[in-house]
Amino acid sequence: MKSQRPVVTDDEHRVLKFRPRTMAQPPGQKGEPSDIRQEANDLSRYERNREEPDDFRHRMLANMAAFAFTVALTAIGIWLAMSIADLRKTQDCVLMGRRDCARIASPHS
């Protein structure tokens, strides 16, 4: 049996030359001197003024809220994983045809 391959001609293949960019300025920033672009990349505009006092109370409250949220999210994740594992055990027990799969809590005397 012959394998069917498409007929390939030389017109379908073309090698393109890689031309590195030689422009002094990136596109979109034409006409801007380099010192203005340097200022645009400087992060000092995001710094706080030294005269403004830090609000440590607000920062600590925000940190405590973030910590409480992380702990709650972790606890919910652990509870969910344990619930899924317990459900899987019960489902495996039922699928094996056993009849004593349900847990019966015994009173502590």
N, C-alpha and C. Protein backbone atom coordinates (compact mmCIF):
# COMPACT_ATOMS: atom_id res chain seq x y z
N MET A 1 0.84 -1.16 0.00
CA MET A 1 0.00 0.00 0.00
C MET A 1 0.89 1.24 0.00
N LYS A 2 0.61 2.18 -0.83
CA LYS A 2 1.37 3.41 -0.95
C LYS A 2 0.94 4.42 0.10
N SER A 3 1.91 5.10 0.69
CA SER A 3 1.53 6.16 1.63
C SER A 3 1.26 7.43 0.84
N GLN A 4 0.25 8.11 1.24
CA GLN A 4 -0.12 9.32 0.52
C GLN A 4 0.52 10.52 1.20
N ARG A 5 1.43 11.14 0.50
CA ARG A 5 2.09 12.33 1.00
C ARG A 5 1.75 13.49 0.07
N PRO A 6 1.59 14.66 0.62
CA PRO A 6 1.29 15.80 -0.25
C PRO A 6 2.50 16.14 -1.12
N VAL A 7 2.22 16.61 -2.28
CA VAL A 7 3.28 17.00 -3.20
C VAL A 7 3.78 18.37 -2.75
N VAL A 8 5.09 18.46 -2.49
CA VAL A 8 5.68 19.70 -2.00
C VAL A 8 6.49 20.31 -3.12
N THR A 9 6.24 21.58 -3.38
CA THR A 9 7.02 22.28 -4.39
C THR A 9 7.96 23.26 -3.70
N ASP A 10 8.94 23.75 -4.42
CA ASP A 10 9.90 24.69 -3.84
C ASP A 10 9.27 26.05 -3.56
N ASP A 11 8.14 26.33 -4.19
CA ASP A 11 7.48 27.62 -3.98
C ASP A 11 6.87 27.73 -2.58
N GLU A 12 6.59 26.62 -1.93
CA GLU A 12 5.95 26.64 -0.62
C GLU A 12 6.93 26.91 0.51
N HIS A 13 8.21 26.70 0.29
CA HIS A 13 9.21 26.89 1.34
C HIS A 13 9.98 28.17 1.07
N ARG A 14 10.10 28.96 2.13
CA ARG A 14 10.81 30.21 1.97
C ARG A 14 11.62 30.45 3.24
N VAL A 15 12.87 30.82 3.12
CA VAL A 15 13.72 31.13 4.26
C VAL A 15 13.77 32.64 4.39
N LEU A 16 13.44 33.11 5.58
CA LEU A 16 13.47 34.54 5.84
C LEU A 16 14.72 34.88 6.64
N LYS A 17 15.35 35.97 6.29
CA LYS A 17 16.54 36.40 7.02
C LYS A 17 16.13 37.10 8.29
N PHE A 18 16.87 36.85 9.36
CA PHE A 18 16.65 37.52 10.62
C PHE A 18 17.40 38.84 10.59
N ARG A 19 16.66 39.92 10.78
CA ARG A 19 17.28 41.23 10.81
C ARG A 19 17.15 41.80 12.22
N PRO A 20 18.24 41.95 12.96
CA PRO A 20 18.14 42.50 14.31
C PRO A 20 17.72 43.96 14.26
N ARG A 21 17.06 44.38 15.32
CA ARG A 21 16.64 45.77 15.40
C ARG A 21 17.85 46.65 15.64
N THR A 22 17.96 47.68 14.87
CA THR A 22 19.09 48.58 15.03
C THR A 22 18.63 49.98 15.40
N MET A 23 17.36 50.13 15.74
CA MET A 23 16.86 51.45 16.08
C MET A 23 17.39 51.86 17.43
N ALA A 24 17.68 53.14 17.61
CA ALA A 24 18.19 53.65 18.87
C ALA A 24 17.09 53.70 19.92
N GLN A 25 15.85 53.94 19.50
CA GLN A 25 14.75 54.04 20.43
C GLN A 25 13.71 52.99 20.08
N PRO A 26 13.06 52.41 21.09
CA PRO A 26 12.00 51.44 20.81
C PRO A 26 10.81 52.13 20.14
N PRO A 27 10.04 51.38 19.36
CA PRO A 27 8.88 51.99 18.73
C PRO A 27 7.88 52.48 19.76
N GLY A 28 7.20 53.56 19.45
CA GLY A 28 6.21 54.11 20.36
C GLY A 28 6.77 55.19 21.26
N GLN A 29 8.08 55.34 21.31
CA GLN A 29 8.69 56.37 22.14
C GLN A 29 9.56 57.28 21.29
N LYS A 30 9.13 57.55 20.09
CA LYS A 30 9.91 58.38 19.19
C LYS A 30 9.85 59.82 19.67
N GLY A 31 10.96 60.48 19.58
CA GLY A 31 11.02 61.88 19.93
C GLY A 31 11.30 62.15 21.39
N GLU A 32 11.31 61.14 22.24
CA GLU A 32 11.61 61.34 23.65
C GLU A 32 13.11 61.16 23.88
N PRO A 33 13.72 62.09 24.56
CA PRO A 33 15.14 61.88 24.88
C PRO A 33 15.30 60.75 25.88
N SER A 34 16.50 60.22 25.96
CA SER A 34 16.74 59.05 26.81
C SER A 34 16.60 59.37 28.29
N ASP A 35 16.88 60.65 28.73
CA ASP A 35 16.76 60.96 30.15
C ASP A 35 15.30 60.99 30.60
N ILE A 36 14.37 61.34 29.73
CA ILE A 36 12.95 61.31 30.08
C ILE A 36 12.49 59.86 30.21
N ARG A 37 12.96 59.00 29.32
CA ARG A 37 12.60 57.57 29.43
C ARG A 37 13.16 56.98 30.70
N GLN A 38 14.34 57.42 31.13
CA GLN A 38 14.93 56.92 32.36
C GLN A 38 14.06 57.30 33.55
N GLU A 39 13.52 58.51 33.54
CA GLU A 39 12.64 58.94 34.62
C GLU A 39 11.36 58.11 34.64
N ALA A 40 10.88 57.71 33.47
CA ALA A 40 9.65 56.93 33.41
C ALA A 40 9.85 55.55 34.03
N ASN A 41 11.06 55.01 33.97
CA ASN A 41 11.34 53.69 34.53
C ASN A 41 11.79 53.77 35.99
N ASP A 42 11.95 54.96 36.53
CA ASP A 42 12.39 55.13 37.91
C ASP A 42 11.22 54.86 38.85
N LEU A 43 11.47 54.15 39.95
CA LEU A 43 10.41 53.79 40.89
C LEU A 43 10.27 54.78 42.03
N SER A 44 11.03 55.85 42.02
CA SER A 44 10.97 56.81 43.11
C SER A 44 9.62 57.51 43.19
N ARG A 45 8.87 57.53 42.12
CA ARG A 45 7.56 58.20 42.17
C ARG A 45 6.57 57.42 43.03
N TYR A 46 6.85 56.16 43.36
CA TYR A 46 5.97 55.36 44.20
C TYR A 46 6.38 55.40 45.67
N GLU A 47 7.47 56.06 45.99
CA GLU A 47 7.92 56.13 47.37
C GLU A 47 7.07 57.11 48.16
N ARG A 48 6.98 56.87 49.48
CA ARG A 48 6.25 57.79 50.35
C ARG A 48 7.12 58.98 50.68
N ASN A 49 6.46 60.07 50.97
CA ASN A 49 7.20 61.24 51.44
C ASN A 49 7.73 60.97 52.84
N ARG A 50 8.90 61.45 53.13
CA ARG A 50 9.51 61.24 54.44
C ARG A 50 8.76 62.01 55.53
N GLU A 51 8.06 63.07 55.15
CA GLU A 51 7.35 63.88 56.14
C GLU A 51 6.11 63.18 56.65
N GLU A 52 5.51 62.28 55.85
CA GLU A 52 4.28 61.59 56.25
C GLU A 52 4.63 60.49 57.26
N PRO A 53 3.95 60.47 58.40
CA PRO A 53 4.22 59.39 59.36
C PRO A 53 3.59 58.08 58.89
N ASP A 54 4.24 56.99 59.23
CA ASP A 54 3.70 55.67 58.89
C ASP A 54 2.52 55.37 59.79
N ASP A 55 1.51 54.72 59.23
CA ASP A 55 0.34 54.33 60.01
C ASP A 55 0.54 52.86 60.40
N PHE A 56 1.31 52.63 61.46
CA PHE A 56 1.64 51.27 61.87
C PHE A 56 0.40 50.50 62.33
N ARG A 57 -0.53 51.18 62.97
CA ARG A 57 -1.75 50.51 63.44
C ARG A 57 -2.53 49.95 62.27
N HIS A 58 -2.69 50.75 61.22
CA HIS A 58 -3.42 50.28 60.04
C HIS A 58 -2.68 49.13 59.37
N ARG A 59 -1.36 49.24 59.29
CA ARG A 59 -0.57 48.18 58.67
C ARG A 59 -0.67 46.87 59.46
N MET A 60 -0.62 46.96 60.79
CA MET A 60 -0.72 45.76 61.62
C MET A 60 -2.11 45.14 61.52
N LEU A 61 -3.15 45.98 61.47
CA LEU A 61 -4.51 45.44 61.30
C LEU A 61 -4.66 44.74 59.95
N ALA A 62 -4.09 45.33 58.91
CA ALA A 62 -4.15 44.71 57.60
C ALA A 62 -3.38 43.38 57.58
N ASN A 63 -2.22 43.35 58.26
CA ASN A 63 -1.45 42.10 58.34
C ASN A 63 -2.20 41.03 59.12
N MET A 64 -2.85 41.42 60.21
CA MET A 64 -3.61 40.46 61.00
C MET A 64 -4.81 39.93 60.21
N ALA A 65 -5.47 40.80 59.47
CA ALA A 65 -6.60 40.37 58.64
C ALA A 65 -6.13 39.40 57.56
N ALA A 66 -5.00 39.69 56.95
CA ALA A 66 -4.46 38.79 55.92
C ALA A 66 -4.06 37.45 56.53
N PHE A 67 -3.48 37.46 57.72
CA PHE A 67 -3.09 36.23 58.39
C PHE A 67 -4.32 35.41 58.77
N ALA A 68 -5.36 36.07 59.29
CA ALA A 68 -6.59 35.36 59.66
C ALA A 68 -7.25 34.75 58.43
N PHE A 69 -7.25 35.48 57.33
CA PHE A 69 -7.82 34.96 56.08
C PHE A 69 -7.04 33.75 55.60
N THR A 70 -5.71 33.81 55.69
CA THR A 70 -4.88 32.68 55.25
C THR A 70 -5.12 31.46 56.13
N VAL A 71 -5.21 31.66 57.44
CA VAL A 71 -5.47 30.54 58.35
C VAL A 71 -6.84 29.93 58.08
N ALA A 72 -7.86 30.79 57.88
CA ALA A 72 -9.21 30.28 57.59
C ALA A 72 -9.23 29.52 56.28
N LEU A 73 -8.57 30.03 55.27
CA LEU A 73 -8.53 29.36 53.98
C LEU A 73 -7.82 28.02 54.08
N THR A 74 -6.74 27.95 54.86
CA THR A 74 -6.02 26.69 55.05
C THR A 74 -6.89 25.69 55.81
N ALA A 75 -7.59 26.14 56.85
CA ALA A 75 -8.45 25.24 57.63
C ALA A 75 -9.59 24.70 56.76
N ILE A 76 -10.18 25.56 55.95
CA ILE A 76 -11.25 25.11 55.06
C ILE A 76 -10.72 24.10 54.05
N GLY A 77 -9.52 24.32 53.55
CA GLY A 77 -8.91 23.38 52.60
C GLY A 77 -8.65 22.03 53.22
N ILE A 78 -8.14 22.03 54.44
CA ILE A 78 -7.87 20.76 55.14
C ILE A 78 -9.19 20.03 55.42
N TRP A 79 -10.21 20.77 55.92
CA TRP A 79 -11.51 20.15 56.18
C TRP A 79 -12.10 19.56 54.91
N LEU A 80 -12.00 20.29 53.80
CA LEU A 80 -12.54 19.81 52.53
C LEU A 80 -11.81 18.56 52.06
N ALA A 81 -10.49 18.53 52.19
CA ALA A 81 -9.71 17.36 51.77
C ALA A 81 -10.08 16.14 52.62
N MET A 82 -10.26 16.33 53.93
CA MET A 82 -10.62 15.21 54.80
C MET A 82 -12.04 14.72 54.50
N SER A 83 -12.94 15.64 54.22
CA SER A 83 -14.32 15.25 53.87
C SER A 83 -14.36 14.45 52.58
N ILE A 84 -13.59 14.89 51.60
CA ILE A 84 -13.54 14.17 50.33
C ILE A 84 -12.94 12.79 50.52
N ALA A 85 -11.88 12.69 51.34
CA ALA A 85 -11.26 11.38 51.59
C ALA A 85 -12.24 10.45 52.30
N ASP A 86 -13.00 10.96 53.28
CA ASP A 86 -13.99 10.14 53.98
C ASP A 86 -15.10 9.70 53.03
N LEU A 87 -15.54 10.60 52.18
CA LEU A 87 -16.57 10.26 51.20
C LEU A 87 -16.07 9.19 50.23
N ARG A 88 -14.81 9.29 49.84
CA ARG A 88 -14.23 8.30 48.93
C ARG A 88 -14.15 6.93 49.59
N LYS A 89 -13.78 6.90 50.88
CA LYS A 89 -13.74 5.62 51.59
C LYS A 89 -15.12 4.97 51.66
N THR A 90 -16.12 5.78 51.98
CA THR A 90 -17.49 5.26 52.05
C THR A 90 -17.96 4.78 50.69
N GLN A 91 -17.65 5.53 49.64
CA GLN A 91 -18.06 5.15 48.29
C GLN A 91 -17.36 3.86 47.87
N ASP A 92 -16.08 3.72 48.17
CA ASP A 92 -15.36 2.48 47.84
C ASP A 92 -15.97 1.29 48.57
N CYS A 93 -16.36 1.50 49.83
CA CYS A 93 -16.96 0.43 50.62
C CYS A 93 -18.28 -0.01 49.99
N VAL A 94 -19.11 0.96 49.61
CA VAL A 94 -20.41 0.64 49.01
C VAL A 94 -20.22 -0.05 47.66
N LEU A 95 -19.27 0.42 46.87
CA LEU A 95 -19.05 -0.17 45.55
C LEU A 95 -18.49 -1.59 45.62
N MET A 96 -17.87 -1.95 46.76
CA MET A 96 -17.40 -3.32 46.93
C MET A 96 -18.53 -4.25 47.33
N GLY A 97 -19.70 -3.70 47.62
CA GLY A 97 -20.84 -4.52 47.95
C GLY A 97 -21.01 -4.76 49.43
N ARG A 98 -20.24 -4.09 50.25
CA ARG A 98 -20.37 -4.28 51.70
C ARG A 98 -21.59 -3.53 52.22
N ARG A 99 -22.14 -4.01 53.31
CA ARG A 99 -23.34 -3.40 53.86
C ARG A 99 -23.08 -2.62 55.15
N ASP A 100 -21.90 -2.74 55.72
CA ASP A 100 -21.62 -2.08 56.99
C ASP A 100 -20.70 -0.85 56.79
N CYS A 101 -21.05 -0.04 55.83
CA CYS A 101 -20.19 1.09 55.48
C CYS A 101 -20.44 2.34 56.32
N ALA A 102 -21.64 2.49 56.81
CA ALA A 102 -21.98 3.70 57.57
C ALA A 102 -21.35 3.65 58.94
N ARG A 103 -20.83 4.78 59.39
CA ARG A 103 -20.25 4.87 60.73
C ARG A 103 -21.37 5.02 61.75
N ILE A 104 -21.26 4.31 62.83
CA ILE A 104 -22.22 4.42 63.92
C ILE A 104 -21.45 4.92 65.13
N ALA A 105 -21.84 6.10 65.59
CA ALA A 105 -21.15 6.67 66.74
C ALA A 105 -21.62 6.01 68.01
N SER A 106 -20.67 5.54 68.80
CA SER A 106 -21.02 4.90 70.06
C SER A 106 -20.92 5.93 71.18
N PRO A 107 -21.89 5.91 72.09
CA PRO A 107 -21.84 6.88 73.20
C PRO A 107 -20.71 6.51 74.16
N HIS A 108 -20.04 7.50 74.64
CA HIS A 108 -18.94 7.28 75.61
C HIS A 108 -19.55 7.14 77.00
N SER A 109 -19.29 6.03 77.66
CA SER A 109 -19.84 5.87 79.00
C SER A 109 -18.77 5.83 80.03
